Amino acid sequence: MIERRNHPRVKVSHPALYVGESYHTPRVATTVDLSLGGARIETPYSLIPGERLQISIAVHPQVIQCRGTVVRSLELTGERRRGGARYEAGVRFEEMSLHDRHHLSRHITRIMEPWN
């Protein structure tokens, strides 16, 4: 099966915080890759497909705020674990302000420019 994406994806490592509907204390994560449609994040906390999140991603010089839904999640194994349990989750963005969307679009374009 060929996976088709609506938005170009870039490999990045940005700090992020997220909260879910069942917990209100922010949890830490790091982006693994990012697009206008979503992100893959790594975190020490297990996430459940279908879980809705409020996410804040530090994309210098501002913080992108959005809502999204976990579409897949897996526990990392081997060297990628780095000491304790680590999880990776794909999050589809569903709500983002126009201002944040423009900032994210410019950021992704700058990263991709050397490859064009």
PDB file of N, CA and C in Angstrom:
ATOM      1  N   MET A   1       0.843  -1.181   0.000  1.00  0.00           N
ATOM      2  CA  MET A   1       0.000   0.000   0.000  1.00  0.00           C
ATOM      3  C   MET A   1       0.889   1.246   0.000  1.00  0.00           C
ATOM      4  N   ILE A   2       0.607   2.178  -0.876  1.00  0.00           N
ATOM      5  CA  ILE A   2       1.351   3.432  -0.929  1.00  0.00           C
ATOM      6  C   ILE A   2       0.644   4.454  -0.055  1.00  0.00           C
ATOM      7  N   GLU A   3       1.417   5.068   0.832  1.00  0.00           N
ATOM      8  CA  GLU A   3       0.845   6.085   1.714  1.00  0.00           C
ATOM      9  C   GLU A   3       0.875   7.429   0.996  1.00  0.00           C
ATOM     10  N   ARG A   4      -0.238   8.099   0.942  1.00  0.00           N
ATOM     11  CA  ARG A   4      -0.328   9.396   0.283  1.00  0.00           C
ATOM     12  C   ARG A   4      -0.548  10.470   1.341  1.00  0.00           C
ATOM     13  N   ARG A   5       0.239  11.518   1.252  1.00  0.00           N
ATOM     14  CA  ARG A   5       0.135  12.607   2.218  1.00  0.00           C
ATOM     15  C   ARG A   5      -0.323  13.873   1.506  1.00  0.00           C
ATOM     16  N   ASN A   6      -1.106  14.659   2.207  1.00  0.00           N
ATOM     17  CA  ASN A   6      -1.579  15.918   1.648  1.00  0.00           C
ATOM     18  C   ASN A   6      -0.569  17.038   1.828  1.00  0.00           C
ATOM     19  N   HIS A   7       0.370  16.872   2.771  1.00  0.00           N
ATOM     20  CA  HIS A   7       1.325  17.925   3.093  1.00  0.00           C
ATOM     21  C   HIS A   7       2.733  17.350   3.174  1.00  0.00           C
ATOM     22  N   PRO A   8       3.744  18.101   2.692  1.00  0.00           N
ATOM     23  CA  PRO A   8       5.120  17.632   2.836  1.00  0.00           C
ATOM     24  C   PRO A   8       5.493  17.517   4.314  1.00  0.00           C
ATOM     25  N   ARG A   9       6.271  16.505   4.635  1.00  0.00           N
ATOM     26  CA  ARG A   9       6.684  16.234   6.013  1.00  0.00           C
ATOM     27  C   ARG A   9       8.189  16.464   6.106  1.00  0.00           C
ATOM     28  N   VAL A  10       8.625  17.126   7.193  1.00  0.00           N
ATOM     29  CA  VAL A  10      10.051  17.367   7.414  1.00  0.00           C
ATOM     30  C   VAL A  10      10.464  16.789   8.759  1.00  0.00           C
ATOM     31  N   LYS A  11      11.690  16.287   8.816  1.00  0.00           N
ATOM     32  CA  LYS A  11      12.236  15.783  10.075  1.00  0.00           C
ATOM     33  C   LYS A  11      12.679  16.979  10.906  1.00  0.00           C
ATOM     34  N   VAL A  12      12.198  17.043  12.140  1.00  0.00           N
ATOM     35  CA  VAL A  12      12.525  18.136  13.047  1.00  0.00           C
ATOM     36  C   VAL A  12      12.588  17.591  14.469  1.00  0.00           C
ATOM     37  N   SER A  13      13.130  18.389  15.348  1.00  0.00           N
ATOM     38  CA  SER A  13      13.143  18.043  16.765  1.00  0.00           C
ATOM     39  C   SER A  13      12.822  19.316  17.541  1.00  0.00           C
ATOM     40  N   HIS A  14      11.541  19.490  17.835  1.00  0.00           N
ATOM     41  CA  HIS A  14      11.081  20.668  18.577  1.00  0.00           C
ATOM     42  C   HIS A  14      10.462  20.212  19.890  1.00  0.00           C
ATOM     43  N   PRO A  15      10.728  20.937  20.974  1.00  0.00           N
ATOM     44  CA  PRO A  15      10.057  20.598  22.233  1.00  0.00           C
ATOM     45  C   PRO A  15       8.559  20.867  22.118  1.00  0.00           C
ATOM     46  N   ALA A  16       7.782  20.032  22.787  1.00  0.00           N
ATOM     47  CA  ALA A  16       6.327  20.183  22.750  1.00  0.00           C
ATOM     48  C   ALA A  16       5.736  19.807  24.103  1.00  0.00           C
ATOM     49  N   LEU A  17       4.570  20.355  24.377  1.00  0.00           N
ATOM     50  CA  LEU A  17       3.761  19.991  25.540  1.00  0.00           C
ATOM     51  C   LEU A  17       2.378  19.635  25.025  1.00  0.00           C
ATOM     52  N   TYR A  18       1.727  18.698  25.698  1.00  0.00           N
ATOM     53  CA  TYR A  18       0.359  18.375  25.306  1.00  0.00           C
ATOM     54  C   TYR A  18      -0.445  17.994  26.537  1.00  0.00           C
ATOM     55  N   VAL A  19      -1.751  18.191  26.437  1.00  0.00           N
ATOM     56  CA  VAL A  19      -2.692  17.723  27.460  1.00  0.00           C
ATOM     57  C   VAL A  19      -3.813  16.979  26.749  1.00  0.00           C
ATOM     58  N   GLY A  20      -4.350  15.988  27.429  1.00  0.00           N
ATOM     59  CA  GLY A  20      -5.442  15.199  26.876  1.00  0.00           C
ATOM     60  C   GLY A  20      -6.744  15.532  27.573  1.00  0.00           C
ATOM     61  N   GLU A  21      -7.809  14.921  27.117  1.00  0.00           N
ATOM     62  CA  GLU A  21      -9.123  15.171  27.710  1.00  0.00           C
ATOM     63  C   GLU A  21      -9.244  14.567  29.103  1.00  0.00           C
ATOM     64  N   SER A  22      -8.478  13.511  29.407  1.00  0.00           N
ATOM     65  CA  SER A  22      -8.607  12.836  30.701  1.00  0.00           C
ATOM     66  C   SER A  22      -7.541  13.262  31.716  1.00  0.00           C
ATOM     67  N   TYR A  23      -6.628  14.134  31.340  1.00  0.00           N
ATOM     68  CA  TYR A  23      -5.613  14.656  32.265  1.00  0.00           C
ATOM     69  C   TYR A  23      -5.321  16.099  31.873  1.00  0.00           C
ATOM     70  N   HIS A  24      -5.034  16.909  32.863  1.00  0.00           N
ATOM     71  CA  HIS A  24      -4.879  18.343  32.594  1.00  0.00           C
ATOM     72  C   HIS A  24      -3.494  18.868  32.941  1.00  0.00           C
ATOM     73  N   THR A  25      -2.610  17.979  33.390  1.00  0.00           N
ATOM     74  CA  THR A  25      -1.230  18.371  33.634  1.00  0.00           C
ATOM     75  C   THR A  25      -0.459  18.195  32.333  1.00  0.00           C
ATOM     76  N   PRO A  26       0.223  19.241  31.854  1.00  0.00           N
ATOM     77  CA  PRO A  26       0.962  19.117  30.589  1.00  0.00           C
ATOM     78  C   PRO A  26       2.007  18.004  30.647  1.00  0.00           C
ATOM     79  N   ARG A  27       2.123  17.288  29.546  1.00  0.00           N
ATOM     80  CA  ARG A  27       3.123  16.229  29.399  1.00  0.00           C
ATOM     81  C   ARG A  27       4.107  16.638  28.309  1.00  0.00           C
ATOM     82  N   VAL A  28       5.360  16.232  28.475  1.00  0.00           N
ATOM     83  CA  VAL A  28       6.409  16.629  27.539  1.00  0.00           C
ATOM     84  C   VAL A  28       6.502  15.668  26.366  1.00  0.00           C
ATOM     85  N   ALA A  29       6.930  16.216  25.237  1.00  0.00           N
ATOM     86  CA  ALA A  29       7.155  15.431  24.027  1.00  0.00           C
ATOM     87  C   ALA A  29       8.193  16.152  23.180  1.00  0.00           C
ATOM     88  N   THR A  30       8.660  15.468  22.161  1.00  0.00           N
ATOM     89  CA  THR A  30       9.554  16.047  21.164  1.00  0.00           C
ATOM     90  C   THR A  30       9.011  15.649  19.802  1.00  0.00           C
ATOM     91  N   THR A  31       8.976  16.593  18.879  1.00  0.00           N
ATOM     92  CA  THR A  31       8.532  16.237  17.533  1.00  0.00           C
ATOM     93  C   THR A  31       9.625  15.424  16.845  1.00  0.00           C
ATOM     94  N   VAL A  32       9.220  14.451  16.050  1.00  0.00           N
ATOM     95  CA  VAL A  32      10.135  13.651  15.244  1.00  0.00           C
ATOM     96  C   VAL A  32      10.047  14.134  13.797  1.00  0.00           C
ATOM     97  N   ASP A  33       8.836  14.407  13.365  1.00  0.00           N
ATOM     98  CA  ASP A  33       8.619  15.055  12.072  1.00  0.00           C
ATOM     99  C   ASP A  33       7.350  15.891  12.165  1.00  0.00           C
ATOM    100  N   LEU A  34       7.170  16.738  11.140  1.00  0.00           N
ATOM    101  CA  LEU A  34       6.133  17.759  11.219  1.00  0.00           C
ATOM    102  C   LEU A  34       5.653  18.107   9.822  1.00  0.00           C
ATOM    103  N   SER A  35       4.355  18.357   9.693  1.00  0.00           N
ATOM    104  CA  SER A  35       3.776  18.857   8.444  1.00  0.00           C
ATOM    105  C   SER A  35       2.622  19.775   8.824  1.00  0.00           C
ATOM    106  N   LEU A  36       2.005  20.394   7.830  1.00  0.00           N
ATOM    107  CA  LEU A  36       0.833  21.220   8.119  1.00  0.00           C
ATOM    108  C   LEU A  36      -0.345  20.375   8.568  1.00  0.00           C
ATOM    109  N   GLY A  37      -0.310  19.087   8.275  1.00  0.00           N
ATOM    110  CA  GLY A  37      -1.413  18.201   8.628  1.00  0.00           C
ATOM    111  C   GLY A  37      -1.247  17.451   9.932  1.00  0.00           C
ATOM    112  N   GLY A  38      -0.017  17.444  10.493  1.00  0.00           N
ATOM    113  CA  GLY A  38       0.175  16.704  11.720  1.00  0.00           C
ATOM    114  C   GLY A  38       1.633  16.574  12.097  1.00  0.00           C
ATOM    115  N   ALA A  39       1.881  15.768  13.122  1.00  0.00           N
ATOM    116  CA  ALA A  39       3.238  15.566  13.625  1.00  0.00           C
ATOM    117  C   ALA A  39       3.381  14.156  14.160  1.00  0.00           C
ATOM    118  N   ARG A  40       4.599  13.695  14.153  1.00  0.00           N
ATOM    119  CA  ARG A  40       4.942  12.472  14.878  1.00  0.00           C
ATOM    120  C   ARG A  40       5.710  12.935  16.096  1.00  0.00           C
ATOM    121  N   ILE A  41       5.277  12.508  17.277  1.00  0.00           N
ATOM    122  CA  ILE A  41       5.909  12.939  18.513  1.00  0.00           C
ATOM    123  C   ILE A  41       6.443  11.743  19.284  1.00  0.00           C
ATOM    124  N   GLU A  42       7.463  12.000  20.094  1.00  0.00           N
ATOM    125  CA  GLU A  42       8.007  10.983  20.989  1.00  0.00           C
ATOM    126  C   GLU A  42       7.823  11.490  22.408  1.00  0.00           C
ATOM    127  N   THR A  43       7.386  10.600  23.299  1.00  0.00           N
ATOM    128  CA  THR A  43       7.053  10.976  24.664  1.00  0.00           C
ATOM    129  C   THR A  43       7.251   9.786  25.606  1.00  0.00           C
ATOM    130  N   PRO A  44       7.460  10.040  26.890  1.00  0.00           N
ATOM    131  CA  PRO A  44       7.541   8.917  27.835  1.00  0.00           C
ATOM    132  C   PRO A  44       6.172   8.383  28.259  1.00  0.00           C
ATOM    133  N   TYR A  45       5.103   8.911  27.691  1.00  0.00           N
ATOM    134  CA  TYR A  45       3.743   8.527  28.081  1.00  0.00           C
ATOM    135  C   TYR A  45       3.030   7.819  26.940  1.00  0.00           C
ATOM    136  N   SER A  46       2.290   6.787  27.277  1.00  0.00           N
ATOM    137  CA  SER A  46       1.514   6.058  26.294  1.00  0.00           C
ATOM    138  C   SER A  46       0.329   6.906  25.828  1.00  0.00           C
ATOM    139  N   LEU A  47       0.058   6.887  24.534  1.00  0.00           N
ATOM    140  CA  LEU A  47      -1.089   7.586  23.966  1.00  0.00           C
ATOM    141  C   LEU A  47      -1.986   6.561  23.278  1.00  0.00           C
ATOM    142  N   ILE A  48      -3.259   6.860  23.210  1.00  0.00           N
ATOM    143  CA  ILE A  48      -4.241   5.925  22.667  1.00  0.00           C
ATOM    144  C   ILE A  48      -4.815   6.490  21.366  1.00  0.00           C
ATOM    145  N   PRO A  49      -4.814   5.711  20.281  1.00  0.00           N
ATOM    146  CA  PRO A  49      -5.448   6.185  19.054  1.00  0.00           C
ATOM    147  C   PRO A  49      -6.875   6.661  19.332  1.00  0.00           C
ATOM    148  N   GLY A  50      -7.220   7.811  18.773  1.00  0.00           N
ATOM    149  CA  GLY A  50      -8.523   8.421  18.997  1.00  0.00           C
ATOM    150  C   GLY A  50      -8.499   9.476  20.097  1.00  0.00           C
ATOM    151  N   GLU A  51      -7.439   9.482  20.915  1.00  0.00           N
ATOM    152  CA  GLU A  51      -7.319  10.466  21.997  1.00  0.00           C
ATOM    153  C   GLU A  51      -7.137  11.861  21.404  1.00  0.00           C
ATOM    154  N   ARG A  52      -7.898  12.820  21.926  1.00  0.00           N
ATOM    155  CA  ARG A  52      -7.793  14.215  21.464  1.00  0.00           C
ATOM    156  C   ARG A  52      -6.834  14.977  22.365  1.00  0.00           C
ATOM    157  N   LEU A  53      -5.955  15.769  21.748  1.00  0.00           N
ATOM    158  CA  LEU A  53      -4.917  16.496  22.480  1.00  0.00           C
ATOM    159  C   LEU A  53      -4.950  17.975  22.156  1.00  0.00           C
ATOM    160  N   GLN A  54      -4.556  18.784  23.123  1.00  0.00           N
ATOM    161  CA  GLN A  54      -4.215  20.188  22.907  1.00  0.00           C
ATOM    162  C   GLN A  54      -2.687  20.202  22.920  1.00  0.00           C
ATOM    163  N   ILE A  55      -2.065  20.673  21.839  1.00  0.00           N
ATOM    164  CA  ILE A  55      -0.610  20.584  21.690  1.00  0.00           C
ATOM    165  C   ILE A  55      -0.010  21.979  21.528  1.00  0.00           C
ATOM    166  N   SER A  56       1.142  22.180  22.171  1.00  0.00           N
ATOM    167  CA  SER A  56       1.945  23.395  22.014  1.00  0.00           C
ATOM    168  C   SER A  56       3.318  22.958  21.537  1.00  0.00           C
ATOM    169  N   ILE A  57       3.746  23.461  20.376  1.00  0.00           N
ATOM    170  CA  ILE A  57       5.044  23.092  19.803  1.00  0.00           C
ATOM    171  C   ILE A  57       5.886  24.352  19.668  1.00  0.00           C
ATOM    172  N   ALA A  58       7.090  24.324  20.232  1.00  0.00           N
ATOM    173  CA  ALA A  58       8.000  25.469  20.153  1.00  0.00           C
ATOM    174  C   ALA A  58       8.654  25.497  18.775  1.00  0.00           C
ATOM    175  N   VAL A  59       8.175  26.413  17.925  1.00  0.00           N
ATOM    176  CA  VAL A  59       8.737  26.622  16.591  1.00  0.00           C
ATOM    177  C   VAL A  59       9.244  28.050  16.585  1.00  0.00           C
ATOM    178  N   HIS A  60      10.520  28.206  16.888  1.00  0.00           N
ATOM    179  CA  HIS A  60      11.127  29.521  17.099  1.00  0.00           C
ATOM    180  C   HIS A  60      10.712  30.502  16.011  1.00  0.00           C
ATOM    181  N   PRO A  61      10.321  31.690  16.336  1.00  0.00           N
ATOM    182  CA  PRO A  61      10.352  32.355  17.639  1.00  0.00           C
ATOM    183  C   PRO A  61       9.023  32.322  18.377  1.00  0.00           C
ATOM    184  N   GLN A  62       8.126  31.437  18.017  1.00  0.00           N
ATOM    185  CA  GLN A  62       6.844  31.394  18.718  1.00  0.00           C
ATOM    186  C   GLN A  62       6.449  29.957  19.049  1.00  0.00           C
ATOM    187  N   VAL A  63       5.326  29.816  19.709  1.00  0.00           N
ATOM    188  CA  VAL A  63       4.799  28.505  20.063  1.00  0.00           C
ATOM    189  C   VAL A  63       3.505  28.297  19.283  1.00  0.00           C
ATOM    190  N   ILE A  64       3.465  27.220  18.513  1.00  0.00           N
ATOM    191  CA  ILE A  64       2.287  26.855  17.730  1.00  0.00           C
ATOM    192  C   ILE A  64       1.308  26.146  18.668  1.00  0.00           C
ATOM    193  N   GLN A  65       0.056  26.582  18.665  1.00  0.00           N
ATOM    194  CA  GLN A  65      -1.000  25.955  19.466  1.00  0.00           C
ATOM    195  C   GLN A  65      -1.974  25.276  18.518  1.00  0.00           C
ATOM    196  N   CYS A  66      -2.334  24.035  18.825  1.00  0.00           N
ATOM    197  CA  CYS A  66      -3.318  23.359  17.986  1.00  0.00           C
ATOM    198  C   CYS A  66      -4.003  22.239  18.753  1.00  0.00           C
ATOM    199  N   ARG A  67      -5.084  21.762  18.178  1.00  0.00           N
ATOM    200  CA  ARG A  67      -5.773  20.577  18.682  1.00  0.00           C
ATOM    201  C   ARG A  67      -5.567  19.489  17.647  1.00  0.00           C
ATOM    202  N   GLY A  68      -5.479  18.260  18.142  1.00  0.00           N
ATOM    203  CA  GLY A  68      -5.284  17.156  17.227  1.00  0.00           C
ATOM    204  C   GLY A  68      -5.780  15.854  17.822  1.00  0.00           C
ATOM    205  N   THR A  69      -5.744  14.822  16.993  1.00  0.00           N
ATOM    206  CA  THR A  69      -6.164  13.488  17.405  1.00  0.00           C
ATOM    207  C   THR A  69      -5.038  12.500  17.128  1.00  0.00           C
ATOM    208  N   VAL A  70      -4.793  11.622  18.098  1.00  0.00           N
ATOM    209  CA  VAL A  70      -3.792  10.568  17.929  1.00  0.00           C
ATOM    210  C   VAL A  70      -4.341   9.568  16.916  1.00  0.00           C
ATOM    211  N   VAL A  71      -3.586   9.327  15.840  1.00  0.00           N
ATOM    212  CA  VAL A  71      -4.039   8.382  14.818  1.00  0.00           C
ATOM    213  C   VAL A  71      -3.320   7.043  14.912  1.00  0.00           C
ATOM    214  N   ARG A  72      -2.125   7.034  15.525  1.00  0.00           N
ATOM    215  CA  ARG A  72      -1.420   5.779  15.785  1.00  0.00           C
ATOM    216  C   ARG A  72      -0.426   5.988  16.910  1.00  0.00           C
ATOM    217  N   SER A  73      -0.109   4.899  17.600  1.00  0.00           N
ATOM    218  CA  SER A  73       0.806   4.966  18.730  1.00  0.00           C
ATOM    219  C   SER A  73       1.525   3.628  18.867  1.00  0.00           C
ATOM    220  N   LEU A  74       2.809   3.696  19.226  1.00  0.00           N
ATOM    221  CA  LEU A  74       3.547   2.465  19.445  1.00  0.00           C
ATOM    222  C   LEU A  74       4.622   2.686  20.508  1.00  0.00           C
ATOM    223  N   GLU A  75       4.956   1.616  21.210  1.00  0.00           N
ATOM    224  CA  GLU A  75       6.027   1.677  22.196  1.00  0.00           C
ATOM    225  C   GLU A  75       7.342   1.431  21.473  1.00  0.00           C
ATOM    226  N   LEU A  76       8.327   2.299  21.733  1.00  0.00           N
ATOM    227  CA  LEU A  76       9.633   2.152  21.108  1.00  0.00           C
ATOM    228  C   LEU A  76      10.401   1.023  21.781  1.00  0.00           C
ATOM    229  N   THR A  77      11.251   0.374  21.018  1.00  0.00           N
ATOM    230  CA  THR A  77      12.046  -0.737  21.547  1.00  0.00           C
ATOM    231  C   THR A  77      13.517  -0.511  21.228  1.00  0.00           C
ATOM    232  N   GLY A  78      14.361  -1.303  21.827  1.00  0.00           N
ATOM    233  CA  GLY A  78      15.790  -1.281  21.521  1.00  0.00           C
ATOM    234  C   GLY A  78      16.452   0.039  21.867  1.00  0.00           C
ATOM    235  N   GLU A  79      17.387   0.465  21.035  1.00  0.00           N
ATOM    236  CA  GLU A  79      18.174   1.676  21.276  1.00  0.00           C
ATOM    237  C   GLU A  79      17.328   2.944  21.330  1.00  0.00           C
ATOM    238  N   ARG A  80      16.222   2.949  20.627  1.00  0.00           N
ATOM    239  CA  ARG A  80      15.385   4.149  20.592  1.00  0.00           C
ATOM    240  C   ARG A  80      14.702   4.419  21.923  1.00  0.00           C
ATOM    241  N   ARG A  81      14.726   3.445  22.834  1.00  0.00           N
ATOM    242  CA  ARG A  81      14.076   3.603  24.136  1.00  0.00           C
ATOM    243  C   ARG A  81      14.796   4.598  25.029  1.00  0.00           C
ATOM    244  N   ARG A  82      16.090   4.669  24.950  1.00  0.00           N
ATOM    245  CA  ARG A  82      16.911   5.610  25.732  1.00  0.00           C
ATOM    246  C   ARG A  82      16.642   5.568  27.225  1.00  0.00           C
ATOM    247  N   GLY A  83      16.705   4.408  27.832  1.00  0.00           N
ATOM    248  CA  GLY A  83      16.663   4.326  29.287  1.00  0.00           C
ATOM    249  C   GLY A  83      15.341   3.937  29.914  1.00  0.00           C
ATOM    250  N   GLY A  84      14.248   4.473  29.496  1.00  0.00           N
ATOM    251  CA  GLY A  84      12.952   4.140  30.066  1.00  0.00           C
ATOM    252  C   GLY A  84      11.957   3.891  28.958  1.00  0.00           C
ATOM    253  N   ALA A  85      10.729   3.666  29.340  1.00  0.00           N
ATOM    254  CA  ALA A  85       9.692   3.463  28.326  1.00  0.00           C
ATOM    255  C   ALA A  85       9.541   4.736  27.496  1.00  0.00           C
ATOM    256  N   ARG A  86       9.466   4.577  26.192  1.00  0.00           N
ATOM    257  CA  ARG A  86       9.272   5.699  25.262  1.00  0.00           C
ATOM    258  C   ARG A  86       8.212   5.292  24.252  1.00  0.00           C
ATOM    259  N   TYR A  87       7.409   6.237  23.857  1.00  0.00           N
ATOM    260  CA  TYR A  87       6.327   5.987  22.916  1.00  0.00           C
ATOM    261  C   TYR A  87       6.403   6.990  21.777  1.00  0.00           C
ATOM    262  N   GLU A  88       5.921   6.579  20.621  1.00  0.00           N
ATOM    263  CA  GLU A  88       5.861   7.452  19.463  1.00  0.00           C
ATOM    264  C   GLU A  88       4.414   7.468  18.995  1.00  0.00           C
ATOM    265  N   ALA A  89       3.924   8.648  18.659  1.00  0.00           N
ATOM    266  CA  ALA A  89       2.528   8.758  18.236  1.00  0.00           C
ATOM    267  C   ALA A  89       2.417   9.688  17.029  1.00  0.00           C
ATOM    268  N   GLY A  90       1.541   9.318  16.104  1.00  0.00           N
ATOM    269  CA  GLY A  90       1.187  10.188  15.000  1.00  0.00           C
ATOM    270  C   GLY A  90      -0.049  10.977  15.398  1.00  0.00           C
ATOM    271  N   VAL A  91       0.025  12.303  15.253  1.00  0.00           N
ATOM    272  CA  VAL A  91      -1.079  13.180  15.640  1.00  0.00           C
ATOM    273  C   VAL A  91      -1.534  13.965  14.412  1.00  0.00           C
ATOM    274  N   ARG A  92      -2.817  13.887  14.100  1.00  0.00           N
ATOM    275  CA  ARG A  92      -3.395  14.662  12.995  1.00  0.00           C
ATOM    276  C   ARG A  92      -3.915  15.978  13.555  1.00  0.00           C
ATOM    277  N   PHE A  93      -3.443  17.105  12.983  1.00  0.00           N
ATOM    278  CA  PHE A  93      -3.913  18.418  13.423  1.00  0.00           C
ATOM    279  C   PHE A  93      -5.337  18.637  12.920  1.00  0.00           C
ATOM    280  N   GLU A  94      -6.183  19.184  13.796  1.00  0.00           N
ATOM    281  CA  GLU A  94      -7.571  19.441  13.423  1.00  0.00           C
ATOM    282  C   GLU A  94      -7.970  20.895  13.579  1.00  0.00           C
ATOM    283  N   GLU A  95      -7.357  21.589  14.521  1.00  0.00           N
ATOM    284  CA  GLU A  95      -7.671  23.006  14.724  1.00  0.00           C
ATOM    285  C   GLU A  95      -6.375  23.757  14.962  1.00  0.00           C
ATOM    286  N   MET A  96      -6.178  24.850  14.189  1.00  0.00           N
ATOM    287  CA  MET A  96      -5.003  25.693  14.348  1.00  0.00           C
ATOM    288  C   MET A  96      -5.362  27.077  13.832  1.00  0.00           C
ATOM    289  N   SER A  97      -4.929  28.106  14.522  1.00  0.00           N
ATOM    290  CA  SER A  97      -5.226  29.463  14.073  1.00  0.00           C
ATOM    291  C   SER A  97      -4.545  29.727  12.733  1.00  0.00           C
ATOM    292  N   LEU A  98      -5.085  30.628  11.975  1.00  0.00           N
ATOM    293  CA  LEU A  98      -4.509  30.997  10.690  1.00  0.00           C
ATOM    294  C   LEU A  98      -3.092  31.543  10.883  1.00  0.00           C
ATOM    295  N   HIS A  99      -2.879  32.329  11.922  1.00  0.00           N
ATOM    296  CA  HIS A  99      -1.553  32.881  12.223  1.00  0.00           C
ATOM    297  C   HIS A  99      -0.543  31.761  12.464  1.00  0.00           C
ATOM    298  N   ASP A 100      -0.898  30.787  13.307  1.00  0.00           N
ATOM    299  CA  ASP A 100       0.009  29.670  13.592  1.00  0.00           C
ATOM    300  C   ASP A 100       0.238  28.813  12.346  1.00  0.00           C
ATOM    301  N   ARG A 101      -0.811  28.620  11.558  1.00  0.00           N
ATOM    302  CA  ARG A 101      -0.686  27.834  10.326  1.00  0.00           C
ATOM    303  C   ARG A 101       0.293  28.495   9.357  1.00  0.00           C
ATOM    304  N   HIS A 102       0.226  29.812   9.218  1.00  0.00           N
ATOM    305  CA  HIS A 102       1.159  30.532   8.335  1.00  0.00           C
ATOM    306  C   HIS A 102       2.588  30.426   8.851  1.00  0.00           C
ATOM    307  N   HIS A 103       2.761  30.575  10.165  1.00  0.00           N
ATOM    308  CA  HIS A 103       4.097  30.464  10.748  1.00  0.00           C
ATOM    309  C   HIS A 103       4.662  29.067  10.500  1.00  0.00           C
ATOM    310  N   LEU A 104       3.865  28.035  10.727  1.00  0.00           N
ATOM    311  CA  LEU A 104       4.304  26.660  10.519  1.00  0.00           C
ATOM    312  C   LEU A 104       4.630  26.417   9.045  1.00  0.00           C
ATOM    313  N   SER A 105       3.823  26.935   8.142  1.00  0.00           N
ATOM    314  CA  SER A 105       4.066  26.781   6.712  1.00  0.00           C
ATOM    315  C   SER A 105       5.399  27.407   6.316  1.00  0.00           C
ATOM    316  N   ARG A 106       5.676  28.606   6.801  1.00  0.00           N
ATOM    317  CA  ARG A 106       6.953  29.277   6.502  1.00  0.00           C
ATOM    318  C   ARG A 106       8.126  28.473   7.065  1.00  0.00           C
ATOM    319  N   HIS A 107       7.962  27.951   8.267  1.00  0.00           N
ATOM    320  CA  HIS A 107       9.016  27.158   8.911  1.00  0.00           C
ATOM    321  C   HIS A 107       9.329  25.912   8.079  1.00  0.00           C
ATOM    322  N   ILE A 108       8.311  25.189   7.666  1.00  0.00           N
ATOM    323  CA  ILE A 108       8.507  23.974   6.864  1.00  0.00           C
ATOM    324  C   ILE A 108       9.159  24.316   5.531  1.00  0.00           C
ATOM    325  N   THR A 109       8.735  25.398   4.903  1.00  0.00           N
ATOM    326  CA  THR A 109       9.316  25.827   3.629  1.00  0.00           C
ATOM    327  C   THR A 109      10.802  26.133   3.782  1.00  0.00           C
ATOM    328  N   ARG A 110      11.179  26.828   4.869  1.00  0.00           N
ATOM    329  CA  ARG A 110      12.604  27.142   5.102  1.00  0.00           C
ATOM    330  C   ARG A 110      13.427  25.862   5.250  1.00  0.00           C
ATOM    331  N   ILE A 111      12.890  24.871   5.926  1.00  0.00           N
ATOM    332  CA  ILE A 111      13.609  23.609   6.099  1.00  0.00           C
ATOM    333  C   ILE A 111      13.772  22.890   4.769  1.00  0.00           C
ATOM    334  N   MET A 112      12.754  22.952   3.931  1.00  0.00           N
ATOM    335  CA  MET A 112      12.768  22.235   2.669  1.00  0.00           C
ATOM    336  C   MET A 112      13.599  22.937   1.583  1.00  0.00           C
ATOM    337  N   GLU A 113      13.844  24.226   1.689  1.00  0.00           N
ATOM    338  CA  GLU A 113      14.532  24.986   0.638  1.00  0.00           C
ATOM    339  C   GLU A 113      15.862  24.377   0.185  1.00  0.00           C
ATOM    340  N   PRO A 114      16.729  23.899   1.094  1.00  0.00           N
ATOM    341  CA  PRO A 114      17.983  23.316   0.613  1.00  0.00           C
ATOM    342  C   PRO A 114      17.791  22.109  -0.308  1.00  0.00           C
ATOM    343  N   TRP A 115      16.640  21.446  -0.216  1.00  0.00           N
ATOM    344  CA  TRP A 115      16.393  20.255  -1.020  1.00  0.00           C
ATOM    345  C   TRP A 115      15.765  20.577  -2.359  1.00  0.00           C
ATOM    346  N   ASN A 116      15.318  21.812  -2.536  1.00  0.00           N
ATOM    347  CA  ASN A 116      14.671  22.192  -3.817  1.00  0.00           C
ATOM    348  C   ASN A 116      15.668  22.706  -4.816  1.00  0.00           C
TER     349      ASN A 116
END
